[in-house]
Amino acid sequence: MITLKRGDADNGVSILVSTDYNYWIHIMPYYIYKIIPGETATARTLEYTSEHGSYREAKNEVKTLRTAQPKDADLVYKIIFADNQPEAEQLLLEHREKPILKEWEI
């Protein structure tokens, strides 16, 4: 018999799976951040909005947030899949190179 119990461990979601032996399965959540641009591309502010256990819930909330903001607002809402909040912020702030487009992608 398997029973599942949901818990909160270290800013992540964990599930206790109970069989003959108890063990925890750690599930990484989806974090939603509001990104406020700064004077330069690297100087931007991250504002934590919420966290969800499934992509569908996170996607629906981001859609709602994007439609509720004024059209002239210079805000960006992002979903990030990470183990915890500090890792999510690090991933959002790291510089990524623009992808190189091939001739057939233009």
PDB file of N, CA and C in Angstrom:
ATOM      1  N   MET A   1       0.835  -1.178   0.000  1.00  0.00           N
ATOM      2  CA  MET A   1       0.000   0.000   0.000  1.00  0.00           C
ATOM      3  C   MET A   1       0.885   1.249   0.000  1.00  0.00           C
ATOM      4  N   ILE A   2       0.542   2.200  -0.854  1.00  0.00           N
ATOM      5  CA  ILE A   2       1.301   3.446  -0.951  1.00  0.00           C
ATOM      6  C   ILE A   2       0.398   4.590  -0.503  1.00  0.00           C
ATOM      7  N   THR A   3       0.891   5.387   0.428  1.00  0.00           N
ATOM      8  CA  THR A   3       0.175   6.591   0.830  1.00  0.00           C
ATOM      9  C   THR A   3       1.074   7.781   0.566  1.00  0.00           C
ATOM     10  N   LEU A   4       0.500   8.855   0.137  1.00  0.00           N
ATOM     11  CA  LEU A   4       1.256  10.057  -0.167  1.00  0.00           C
ATOM     12  C   LEU A   4       0.870  11.157   0.801  1.00  0.00           C
ATOM     13  N   LYS A   5       1.876  11.839   1.345  1.00  0.00           N
ATOM     14  CA  LYS A   5       1.661  13.009   2.192  1.00  0.00           C
ATOM     15  C   LYS A   5       2.498  14.128   1.631  1.00  0.00           C
ATOM     16  N   ARG A   6       1.901  15.295   1.505  1.00  0.00           N
ATOM     17  CA  ARG A   6       2.590  16.437   0.940  1.00  0.00           C
ATOM     18  C   ARG A   6       3.113  17.315   2.065  1.00  0.00           C
ATOM     19  N   GLY A   7       4.351  17.783   1.933  1.00  0.00           N
ATOM     20  CA  GLY A   7       4.947  18.632   2.949  1.00  0.00           C
ATOM     21  C   GLY A   7       5.757  19.739   2.308  1.00  0.00           C
ATOM     22  N   ASP A   8       6.234  20.661   3.127  1.00  0.00           N
ATOM     23  CA  ASP A   8       7.048  21.762   2.648  1.00  0.00           C
ATOM     24  C   ASP A   8       8.418  21.643   3.298  1.00  0.00           C
ATOM     25  N   ALA A   9       9.449  21.410   2.498  1.00  0.00           N
ATOM     26  CA  ALA A   9      10.792  21.238   3.045  1.00  0.00           C
ATOM     27  C   ALA A   9      11.759  22.114   2.275  1.00  0.00           C
ATOM     28  N   ASP A  10      12.423  23.026   2.967  1.00  0.00           N
ATOM     29  CA  ASP A  10      13.460  23.875   2.368  1.00  0.00           C
ATOM     30  C   ASP A  10      12.962  24.643   1.152  1.00  0.00           C
ATOM     31  N   ASN A  11      11.833  25.309   1.255  1.00  0.00           N
ATOM     32  CA  ASN A  11      11.266  26.130   0.178  1.00  0.00           C
ATOM     33  C   ASN A  11      10.887  25.323  -1.057  1.00  0.00           C
ATOM     34  N   GLY A  12      10.792  24.042  -0.958  1.00  0.00           N
ATOM     35  CA  GLY A  12      10.371  23.216  -2.077  1.00  0.00           C
ATOM     36  C   GLY A  12       9.210  22.362  -1.620  1.00  0.00           C
ATOM     37  N   VAL A  13       8.653  21.618  -2.522  1.00  0.00           N
ATOM     38  CA  VAL A  13       7.545  20.742  -2.181  1.00  0.00           C
ATOM     39  C   VAL A  13       8.080  19.329  -2.144  1.00  0.00           C
ATOM     40  N   SER A  14       7.777  18.614  -1.092  1.00  0.00           N
ATOM     41  CA  SER A  14       8.216  17.233  -0.964  1.00  0.00           C
ATOM     42  C   SER A  14       7.002  16.350  -0.740  1.00  0.00           C
ATOM     43  N   ILE A  15       7.104  15.122  -1.173  1.00  0.00           N
ATOM     44  CA  ILE A  15       6.032  14.158  -0.983  1.00  0.00           C
ATOM     45  C   ILE A  15       6.609  12.961  -0.243  1.00  0.00           C
ATOM     46  N   LEU A  16       5.964  12.564   0.833  1.00  0.00           N
ATOM     47  CA  LEU A  16       6.377  11.382   1.574  1.00  0.00           C
ATOM     48  C   LEU A  16       5.669  10.188   0.970  1.00  0.00           C
ATOM     49  N   VAL A  17       6.432   9.262   0.446  1.00  0.00           N
ATOM     50  CA  VAL A  17       5.878   8.047  -0.127  1.00  0.00           C
ATOM     51  C   VAL A  17       6.047   6.963   0.924  1.00  0.00           C
ATOM     52  N   SER A  18       4.953   6.375   1.345  1.00  0.00           N
ATOM     53  CA  SER A  18       4.998   5.388   2.412  1.00  0.00           C
ATOM     54  C   SER A  18       4.705   4.005   1.836  1.00  0.00           C
ATOM     55  N   THR A  19       5.712   3.197   1.837  1.00  0.00           N
ATOM     56  CA  THR A  19       5.559   1.782   1.475  1.00  0.00           C
ATOM     57  C   THR A  19       6.101   1.006   2.668  1.00  0.00           C
ATOM     58  N   ASP A  20       6.876   0.002   2.437  1.00  0.00           N
ATOM     59  CA  ASP A  20       7.539  -0.674   3.549  1.00  0.00           C
ATOM     60  C   ASP A  20       8.570   0.251   4.181  1.00  0.00           C
ATOM     61  N   TYR A  21       9.174   1.102   3.351  1.00  0.00           N
ATOM     62  CA  TYR A  21      10.158   2.073   3.818  1.00  0.00           C
ATOM     63  C   TYR A  21       9.638   3.469   3.490  1.00  0.00           C
ATOM     64  N   ASN A  22       9.823   4.397   4.405  1.00  0.00           N
ATOM     65  CA  ASN A  22       9.410   5.771   4.141  1.00  0.00           C
ATOM     66  C   ASN A  22      10.546   6.512   3.461  1.00  0.00           C
ATOM     67  N   TYR A  23      10.269   7.207   2.394  1.00  0.00           N
ATOM     68  CA  TYR A  23      11.264   8.038   1.741  1.00  0.00           C
ATOM     69  C   TYR A  23      10.575   9.248   1.127  1.00  0.00           C
ATOM     70  N   TRP A  24      11.343  10.331   1.016  1.00  0.00           N
ATOM     71  CA  TRP A  24      10.825  11.598   0.501  1.00  0.00           C
ATOM     72  C   TRP A  24      11.215  11.771  -0.947  1.00  0.00           C
ATOM     73  N   ILE A  25      10.287  12.239  -1.739  1.00  0.00           N
ATOM     74  CA  ILE A  25      10.554  12.616  -3.128  1.00  0.00           C
ATOM     75  C   ILE A  25      10.437  14.131  -3.187  1.00  0.00           C
ATOM     76  N   HIS A  26      11.488  14.787  -3.631  1.00  0.00           N
ATOM     77  CA  HIS A  26      11.484  16.243  -3.694  1.00  0.00           C
ATOM     78  C   HIS A  26      11.022  16.684  -5.080  1.00  0.00           C
ATOM     79  N   ILE A  27      10.025  17.553  -5.113  1.00  0.00           N
ATOM     80  CA  ILE A  27       9.481  18.059  -6.369  1.00  0.00           C
ATOM     81  C   ILE A  27       9.810  19.538  -6.464  1.00  0.00           C
ATOM     82  N   MET A  28      10.437  19.934  -7.564  1.00  0.00           N
ATOM     83  CA  MET A  28      10.795  21.341  -7.739  1.00  0.00           C
ATOM     84  C   MET A  28       9.558  22.123  -8.189  1.00  0.00           C
ATOM     85  N   PRO A  29       9.327  23.268  -7.558  1.00  0.00           N
ATOM     86  CA  PRO A  29       8.163  24.078  -7.925  1.00  0.00           C
ATOM     87  C   PRO A  29       8.465  25.047  -9.065  1.00  0.00           C
ATOM     88  N   TYR A  30       7.418  25.632  -9.586  1.00  0.00           N
ATOM     89  CA  TYR A  30       7.508  26.692 -10.586  1.00  0.00           C
ATOM     90  C   TYR A  30       7.342  28.021  -9.857  1.00  0.00           C
ATOM     91  N   TYR A  31       8.314  28.910 -10.015  1.00  0.00           N
ATOM     92  CA  TYR A  31       8.272  30.220  -9.383  1.00  0.00           C
ATOM     93  C   TYR A  31       7.873  31.268 -10.416  1.00  0.00           C
ATOM     94  N   ILE A  32       7.100  32.245  -9.986  1.00  0.00           N
ATOM     95  CA  ILE A  32       6.706  33.353 -10.853  1.00  0.00           C
ATOM     96  C   ILE A  32       7.356  34.615 -10.312  1.00  0.00           C
ATOM     97  N   TYR A  33       8.049  35.329 -11.200  1.00  0.00           N
ATOM     98  CA  TYR A  33       8.714  36.577 -10.835  1.00  0.00           C
ATOM     99  C   TYR A  33       8.255  37.695 -11.748  1.00  0.00           C
ATOM    100  N   LYS A  34       8.144  38.878 -11.171  1.00  0.00           N
ATOM    101  CA  LYS A  34       7.914  40.088 -11.954  1.00  0.00           C
ATOM    102  C   LYS A  34       9.280  40.740 -12.130  1.00  0.00           C
ATOM    103  N   ILE A  35       9.662  41.010 -13.371  1.00  0.00           N
ATOM    104  CA  ILE A  35      10.963  41.600 -13.668  1.00  0.00           C
ATOM    105  C   ILE A  35      10.752  43.045 -14.075  1.00  0.00           C
ATOM    106  N   ILE A  36      11.384  43.925 -13.305  1.00  0.00           N
ATOM    107  CA  ILE A  36      11.296  45.363 -13.568  1.00  0.00           C
ATOM    108  C   ILE A  36      12.618  45.798 -14.169  1.00  0.00           C
ATOM    109  N   PRO A  37      12.629  46.261 -15.422  1.00  0.00           N
ATOM    110  CA  PRO A  37      13.893  46.623 -16.057  1.00  0.00           C
ATOM    111  C   PRO A  37      14.532  47.829 -15.390  1.00  0.00           C
ATOM    112  N   GLY A  38      15.869  47.853 -15.424  1.00  0.00           N
ATOM    113  CA  GLY A  38      16.614  48.972 -14.864  1.00  0.00           C
ATOM    114  C   GLY A  38      17.189  49.838 -15.970  1.00  0.00           C
ATOM    115  N   GLU A  39      18.183  50.643 -15.612  1.00  0.00           N
ATOM    116  CA  GLU A  39      18.801  51.535 -16.592  1.00  0.00           C
ATOM    117  C   GLU A  39      19.604  50.759 -17.631  1.00  0.00           C
ATOM    118  N   THR A  40      20.187  49.644 -17.234  1.00  0.00           N
ATOM    119  CA  THR A  40      20.920  48.794 -18.174  1.00  0.00           C
ATOM    120  C   THR A  40      20.271  47.417 -18.186  1.00  0.00           C
ATOM    121  N   ALA A  41      20.722  46.593 -19.117  1.00  0.00           N
ATOM    122  CA  ALA A  41      20.132  45.259 -19.246  1.00  0.00           C
ATOM    123  C   ALA A  41      20.419  44.384 -18.030  1.00  0.00           C
ATOM    124  N   THR A  42      21.561  44.589 -17.393  1.00  0.00           N
ATOM    125  CA  THR A  42      21.910  43.764 -16.235  1.00  0.00           C
ATOM    126  C   THR A  42      21.354  44.318 -14.927  1.00  0.00           C
ATOM    127  N   ALA A  43      20.961  45.580 -14.912  1.00  0.00           N
ATOM    128  CA  ALA A  43      20.420  46.190 -13.696  1.00  0.00           C
ATOM    129  C   ALA A  43      18.905  46.117 -13.724  1.00  0.00           C
ATOM    130  N   ARG A  44      18.382  44.985 -13.331  1.00  0.00           N
ATOM    131  CA  ARG A  44      16.929  44.829 -13.283  1.00  0.00           C
ATOM    132  C   ARG A  44      16.553  44.285 -11.907  1.00  0.00           C
ATOM    133  N   THR A  45      15.318  44.500 -11.541  1.00  0.00           N
ATOM    134  CA  THR A  45      14.848  44.107 -10.226  1.00  0.00           C
ATOM    135  C   THR A  45      13.890  42.931 -10.358  1.00  0.00           C
ATOM    136  N   LEU A  46      14.096  41.932  -9.527  1.00  0.00           N
ATOM    137  CA  LEU A  46      13.209  40.773  -9.492  1.00  0.00           C
ATOM    138  C   LEU A  46      12.293  40.901  -8.292  1.00  0.00           C
ATOM    139  N   GLU A  47      11.026  40.647  -8.518  1.00  0.00           N
ATOM    140  CA  GLU A  47      10.055  40.674  -7.435  1.00  0.00           C
ATOM    141  C   GLU A  47       9.313  39.345  -7.429  1.00  0.00           C
ATOM    142  N   TYR A  48       9.491  38.588  -6.350  1.00  0.00           N
ATOM    143  CA  TYR A  48       8.834  37.288  -6.217  1.00  0.00           C
ATOM    144  C   TYR A  48       7.323  37.480  -6.170  1.00  0.00           C
ATOM    145  N   THR A  49       6.603  36.693  -6.964  1.00  0.00           N
ATOM    146  CA  THR A  49       5.150  36.791  -6.992  1.00  0.00           C
ATOM    147  C   THR A  49       4.499  35.597  -6.312  1.00  0.00           C
ATOM    148  N   SER A  50       4.821  34.388  -6.787  1.00  0.00           N
ATOM    149  CA  SER A  50       4.215  33.195  -6.192  1.00  0.00           C
ATOM    150  C   SER A  50       4.956  31.941  -6.629  1.00  0.00           C
ATOM    151  N   GLU A  51       4.477  30.826  -6.146  1.00  0.00           N
ATOM    152  CA  GLU A  51       5.068  29.525  -6.480  1.00  0.00           C
ATOM    153  C   GLU A  51       3.942  28.522  -6.652  1.00  0.00           C
ATOM    154  N   HIS A  52       4.120  27.604  -7.618  1.00  0.00           N
ATOM    155  CA  HIS A  52       3.083  26.606  -7.916  1.00  0.00           C
ATOM    156  C   HIS A  52       3.722  25.240  -8.094  1.00  0.00           C
ATOM    157  N   GLY A  53       2.938  24.213  -7.813  1.00  0.00           N
ATOM    158  CA  GLY A  53       3.414  22.850  -7.955  1.00  0.00           C
ATOM    159  C   GLY A  53       3.284  22.311  -9.369  1.00  0.00           C
ATOM    160  N   SER A  54       2.441  22.932 -10.191  1.00  0.00           N
ATOM    161  CA  SER A  54       2.283  22.446 -11.569  1.00  0.00           C
ATOM    162  C   SER A  54       2.455  23.598 -12.554  1.00  0.00           C
ATOM    163  N   TYR A  55       2.894  23.242 -13.751  1.00  0.00           N
ATOM    164  CA  TYR A  55       3.117  24.245 -14.787  1.00  0.00           C
ATOM    165  C   TYR A  55       1.801  24.910 -15.201  1.00  0.00           C
ATOM    166  N   ARG A  56       0.743  24.135 -15.289  1.00  0.00           N
ATOM    167  CA  ARG A  56      -0.548  24.677 -15.733  1.00  0.00           C
ATOM    168  C   ARG A  56      -1.031  25.794 -14.811  1.00  0.00           C
ATOM    169  N   GLU A  57      -0.903  25.593 -13.488  1.00  0.00           N
ATOM    170  CA  GLU A  57      -1.314  26.640 -12.539  1.00  0.00           C
ATOM    171  C   GLU A  57      -0.463  27.899 -12.708  1.00  0.00           C
ATOM    172  N   ALA A  58       0.846  27.702 -12.848  1.00  0.00           N
ATOM    173  CA  ALA A  58       1.755  28.844 -13.012  1.00  0.00           C
ATOM    174  C   ALA A  58       1.451  29.591 -14.305  1.00  0.00           C
ATOM    175  N   LYS A  59       1.233  28.851 -15.385  1.00  0.00           N
ATOM    176  CA  LYS A  59       0.944  29.467 -16.680  1.00  0.00           C
ATOM    177  C   LYS A  59      -0.345  30.283 -16.629  1.00  0.00           C
ATOM    178  N   ASN A  60      -1.364  29.746 -15.996  1.00  0.00           N
ATOM    179  CA  ASN A  60      -2.640  30.469 -15.898  1.00  0.00           C
ATOM    180  C   ASN A  60      -2.499  31.743 -15.078  1.00  0.00           C
ATOM    181  N   GLU A  61      -1.719  31.690 -13.991  1.00  0.00           N
ATOM    182  CA  GLU A  61      -1.533  32.905 -13.191  1.00  0.00           C
ATOM    183  C   GLU A  61      -0.751  33.960 -13.958  1.00  0.00           C
ATOM    184  N   VAL A  62       0.280  33.545 -14.695  1.00  0.00           N
ATOM    185  CA  VAL A  62       1.066  34.511 -15.480  1.00  0.00           C
ATOM    186  C   VAL A  62       0.204  35.144 -16.559  1.00  0.00           C
ATOM    187  N   LYS A  63      -0.651  34.370 -17.198  1.00  0.00           N
ATOM    188  CA  LYS A  63      -1.557  34.937 -18.201  1.00  0.00           C
ATOM    189  C   LYS A  63      -2.466  35.987 -17.579  1.00  0.00           C
ATOM    190  N   THR A  64      -2.983  35.696 -16.396  1.00  0.00           N
ATOM    191  CA  THR A  64      -3.844  36.641 -15.692  1.00  0.00           C
ATOM    192  C   THR A  64      -3.091  37.916 -15.334  1.00  0.00           C
ATOM    193  N   LEU A  65      -1.872  37.765 -14.831  1.00  0.00           N
ATOM    194  CA  LEU A  65      -1.065  38.927 -14.461  1.00  0.00           C
ATOM    195  C   LEU A  65      -0.722  39.788 -15.676  1.00  0.00           C
ATOM    196  N   ARG A  66      -0.402  39.143 -16.787  1.00  0.00           N
ATOM    197  CA  ARG A  66      -0.042  39.895 -18.000  1.00  0.00           C
ATOM    198  C   ARG A  66      -1.234  40.651 -18.565  1.00  0.00           C
ATOM    199  N   THR A  67      -2.405  40.059 -18.518  1.00  0.00           N
ATOM    200  CA  THR A  67      -3.578  40.757 -19.049  1.00  0.00           C
ATOM    201  C   THR A  67      -4.053  41.861 -18.115  1.00  0.00           C
ATOM    202  N   ALA A  68      -3.764  41.745 -16.818  1.00  0.00           N
ATOM    203  CA  ALA A  68      -4.207  42.751 -15.852  1.00  0.00           C
ATOM    204  C   ALA A  68      -3.324  43.996 -15.837  1.00  0.00           C
ATOM    205  N   GLN A  69      -2.105  43.889 -16.354  1.00  0.00           N
ATOM    206  CA  GLN A  69      -1.215  45.065 -16.316  1.00  0.00           C
ATOM    207  C   GLN A  69      -1.548  46.019 -17.464  1.00  0.00           C
ATOM    208  N   PRO A  70      -1.279  47.316 -17.271  1.00  0.00           N
ATOM    209  CA  PRO A  70      -1.520  48.291 -18.344  1.00  0.00           C
ATOM    210  C   PRO A  70      -0.636  47.998 -19.563  1.00  0.00           C
ATOM    211  N   LYS A  71      -1.130  48.363 -20.737  1.00  0.00           N
ATOM    212  CA  LYS A  71      -0.382  48.061 -21.967  1.00  0.00           C
ATOM    213  C   LYS A  71       0.929  48.808 -22.060  1.00  0.00           C
ATOM    214  N   ASP A  72       1.029  49.974 -21.437  1.00  0.00           N
ATOM    215  CA  ASP A  72       2.258  50.752 -21.514  1.00  0.00           C
ATOM    216  C   ASP A  72       3.245  50.385 -20.401  1.00  0.00           C
ATOM    217  N   ALA A  73       2.901  49.446 -19.541  1.00  0.00           N
ATOM    218  CA  ALA A  73       3.797  49.030 -18.455  1.00  0.00           C
ATOM    219  C   ALA A  73       4.986  48.272 -19.035  1.00  0.00           C
ATOM    220  N   ASP A  74       6.145  48.519 -18.458  1.00  0.00           N
ATOM    221  CA  ASP A  74       7.377  47.894 -18.937  1.00  0.00           C
ATOM    222  C   ASP A  74       7.787  46.760 -18.003  1.00  0.00           C
ATOM    223  N   LEU A  75       6.823  45.900 -17.663  1.00  0.00           N
ATOM    224  CA  LEU A  75       7.071  44.780 -16.762  1.00  0.00           C
ATOM    225  C   LEU A  75       7.043  43.473 -17.538  1.00  0.00           C
ATOM    226  N   VAL A  76       7.807  42.511 -17.046  1.00  0.00           N
ATOM    227  CA  VAL A  76       7.823  41.186 -17.648  1.00  0.00           C
ATOM    228  C   VAL A  76       7.567  40.175 -16.542  1.00  0.00           C
ATOM    229  N   TYR A  77       6.676  39.235 -16.793  1.00  0.00           N
ATOM    230  CA  TYR A  77       6.437  38.136 -15.850  1.00  0.00           C
ATOM    231  C   TYR A  77       7.069  36.880 -16.415  1.00  0.00           C
ATOM    232  N   LYS A  78       7.834  36.178 -15.572  1.00  0.00           N
ATOM    233  CA  LYS A  78       8.528  34.967 -16.013  1.00  0.00           C
ATOM    234  C   LYS A  78       8.213  33.811 -15.079  1.00  0.00           C
ATOM    235  N   ILE A  79       8.148  32.621 -15.651  1.00  0.00           N
ATOM    236  CA  ILE A  79       8.033  31.383 -14.893  1.00  0.00           C
ATOM    237  C   ILE A  79       9.400  30.728 -14.920  1.00  0.00           C
ATOM    238  N   ILE A  80       9.874  30.291 -13.767  1.00  0.00           N
ATOM    239  CA  ILE A  80      11.175  29.629 -13.699  1.00  0.00           C
ATOM    240  C   ILE A  80      11.015  28.355 -12.873  1.00  0.00           C
ATOM    241  N   PHE A  81      11.612  27.287 -13.346  1.00  0.00           N
ATOM    242  CA  PHE A  81      11.561  25.987 -12.691  1.00  0.00           C
ATOM    243  C   PHE A  81      12.878  25.805 -11.954  1.00  0.00           C
ATOM    244  N   ALA A  82      12.839  25.826 -10.628  1.00  0.00           N
ATOM    245  CA  ALA A  82      14.075  25.749  -9.848  1.00  0.00           C
ATOM    246  C   ALA A  82      13.822  25.022  -8.534  1.00  0.00           C
ATOM    247  N   ASP A  83      14.915  24.650  -7.897  1.00  0.00           N
ATOM    248  CA  ASP A  83      14.844  23.903  -6.648  1.00  0.00           C
ATOM    249  C   ASP A  83      14.400  24.778  -5.482  1.00  0.00           C
ATOM    250  N   ASN A  84      14.814  26.055  -5.485  1.00  0.00           N
ATOM    251  CA  ASN A  84      14.449  26.978  -4.412  1.00  0.00           C
ATOM    252  C   ASN A  84      14.493  28.413  -4.945  1.00  0.00           C
ATOM    253  N   GLN A  85      14.094  29.381  -4.118  1.00  0.00           N
ATOM    254  CA  GLN A  85      14.029  30.775  -4.567  1.00  0.00           C
ATOM    255  C   GLN A  85      15.394  31.360  -4.924  1.00  0.00           C
ATOM    256  N   PRO A  86      16.446  31.160  -4.119  1.00  0.00           N
ATOM    257  CA  PRO A  86      17.743  31.723  -4.516  1.00  0.00           C
ATOM    258  C   PRO A  86      18.243  31.193  -5.865  1.00  0.00           C
ATOM    259  N   GLU A  87      18.013  29.911  -6.125  1.00  0.00           N
ATOM    260  CA  GLU A  87      18.421  29.348  -7.418  1.00  0.00           C
ATOM    261  C   GLU A  87      17.597  29.951  -8.556  1.00  0.00           C
ATOM    262  N   ALA A  88      16.317  30.154  -8.324  1.00  0.00           N
ATOM    263  CA  ALA A  88      15.454  30.756  -9.349  1.00  0.00           C
ATOM    264  C   ALA A  88      15.927  32.166  -9.686  1.00  0.00           C
ATOM    265  N   GLU A  89      16.259  32.942  -8.657  1.00  0.00           N
ATOM    266  CA  GLU A  89      16.732  34.310  -8.896  1.00  0.00           C
ATOM    267  C   GLU A  89      18.077  34.311  -9.615  1.00  0.00           C
ATOM    268  N   GLN A  90      18.946  33.388  -9.262  1.00  0.00           N
ATOM    269  CA  GLN A  90      20.237  33.295  -9.943  1.00  0.00           C
ATOM    270  C   GLN A  90      20.051  32.959 -11.423  1.00  0.00           C
ATOM    271  N   LEU A  91      19.152  32.038 -11.714  1.00  0.00           N
ATOM    272  CA  LEU A  91      18.891  31.668 -13.109  1.00  0.00           C
ATOM    273  C   LEU A  91      18.296  32.834 -13.898  1.00  0.00           C
ATOM    274  N   LEU A  92      17.435  33.602 -13.265  1.00  0.00           N
ATOM    275  CA  LEU A  92      16.817  34.732 -13.955  1.00  0.00           C
ATOM    276  C   LEU A  92      17.794  35.875 -14.190  1.00  0.00           C
ATOM    277  N   LEU A  93      18.775  36.025 -13.319  1.00  0.00           N
ATOM    278  CA  LEU A  93      19.713  37.144 -13.437  1.00  0.00           C
ATOM    279  C   LEU A  93      20.950  36.823 -14.280  1.00  0.00           C
ATOM    280  N   GLU A  94      21.180  35.548 -14.576  1.00  0.00           N
ATOM    281  CA  GLU A  94      22.383  35.238 -15.351  1.00  0.00           C
ATOM    282  C   GLU A  94      22.225  35.685 -16.801  1.00  0.00           C
ATOM    283  N   HIS A  95      23.338  36.110 -17.381  1.00  0.00           N
ATOM    284  CA  HIS A  95      23.336  36.625 -18.745  1.00  0.00           C
ATOM    285  C   HIS A  95      23.324  35.459 -19.728  1.00  0.00           C
ATOM    286  N   ARG A  96      22.404  35.495 -20.664  1.00  0.00           N
ATOM    287  CA  ARG A  96      22.318  34.451 -21.690  1.00  0.00           C
ATOM    288  C   ARG A  96      22.616  35.068 -23.045  1.00  0.00           C
ATOM    289  N   GLU A  97      23.393  34.369 -23.812  1.00  0.00           N
ATOM    290  CA  GLU A  97      23.704  34.815 -25.171  1.00  0.00           C
ATOM    291  C   GLU A  97      22.463  34.640 -26.040  1.00  0.00           C
ATOM    292  N   LYS A  98      22.273  35.545 -26.986  1.00  0.00           N
ATOM    293  CA  LYS A  98      21.168  35.406 -27.926  1.00  0.00           C
ATOM    294  C   LYS A  98      21.472  34.228 -28.847  1.00  0.00           C
ATOM    295  N   PRO A  99      20.455  33.441 -29.184  1.00  0.00           N
ATOM    296  CA  PRO A  99      20.703  32.309 -30.059  1.00  0.00           C
ATOM    297  C   PRO A  99      21.069  32.777 -31.479  1.00  0.00           C
ATOM    298  N   ILE A 100      21.902  32.003 -32.105  1.00  0.00           N
ATOM    299  CA  ILE A 100      22.295  32.315 -33.495  1.00  0.00           C
ATOM    300  C   ILE A 100      21.243  31.708 -34.414  1.00  0.00           C
ATOM    301  N   LEU A 101      20.644  32.563 -35.233  1.00  0.00           N
ATOM    302  CA  LEU A 101      19.614  32.089 -36.148  1.00  0.00           C
ATOM    303  C   LEU A 101      20.253  31.569 -37.426  1.00  0.00           C
ATOM    304  N   LYS A 102      19.789  30.452 -37.880  1.00  0.00           N
ATOM    305  CA  LYS A 102      20.241  29.872 -39.144  1.00  0.00           C
ATOM    306  C   LYS A 102      19.468  30.537 -40.286  1.00  0.00           C
ATOM    307  N   GLU A 103      19.950  30.351 -41.503  1.00  0.00           N
ATOM    308  CA  GLU A 103      19.330  30.981 -42.661  1.00  0.00           C
ATOM    309  C   GLU A 103      17.859  30.625 -42.808  1.00  0.00           C
ATOM    310  N   TRP A 104      17.508  29.378 -42.523  1.00  0.00           N
ATOM    311  CA  TRP A 104      16.136  28.930 -42.711  1.00  0.00           C
ATOM    312  C   TRP A 104      15.220  29.359 -41.565  1.00  0.00           C
ATOM    313  N   GLU A 105      15.778  29.913 -40.486  1.00  0.00           N
ATOM    314  CA  GLU A 105      14.962  30.356 -39.358  1.00  0.00           C
ATOM    315  C   GLU A 105      14.594  31.848 -39.457  1.00  0.00           C
ATOM    316  N   ILE A 106      15.172  32.549 -40.398  1.00  0.00           N
ATOM    317  CA  ILE A 106      14.930  33.992 -40.517  1.00  0.00           C
ATOM    318  C   ILE A 106      13.638  34.268 -41.232  1.00  0.00           C
TER     319      ILE A 106
END
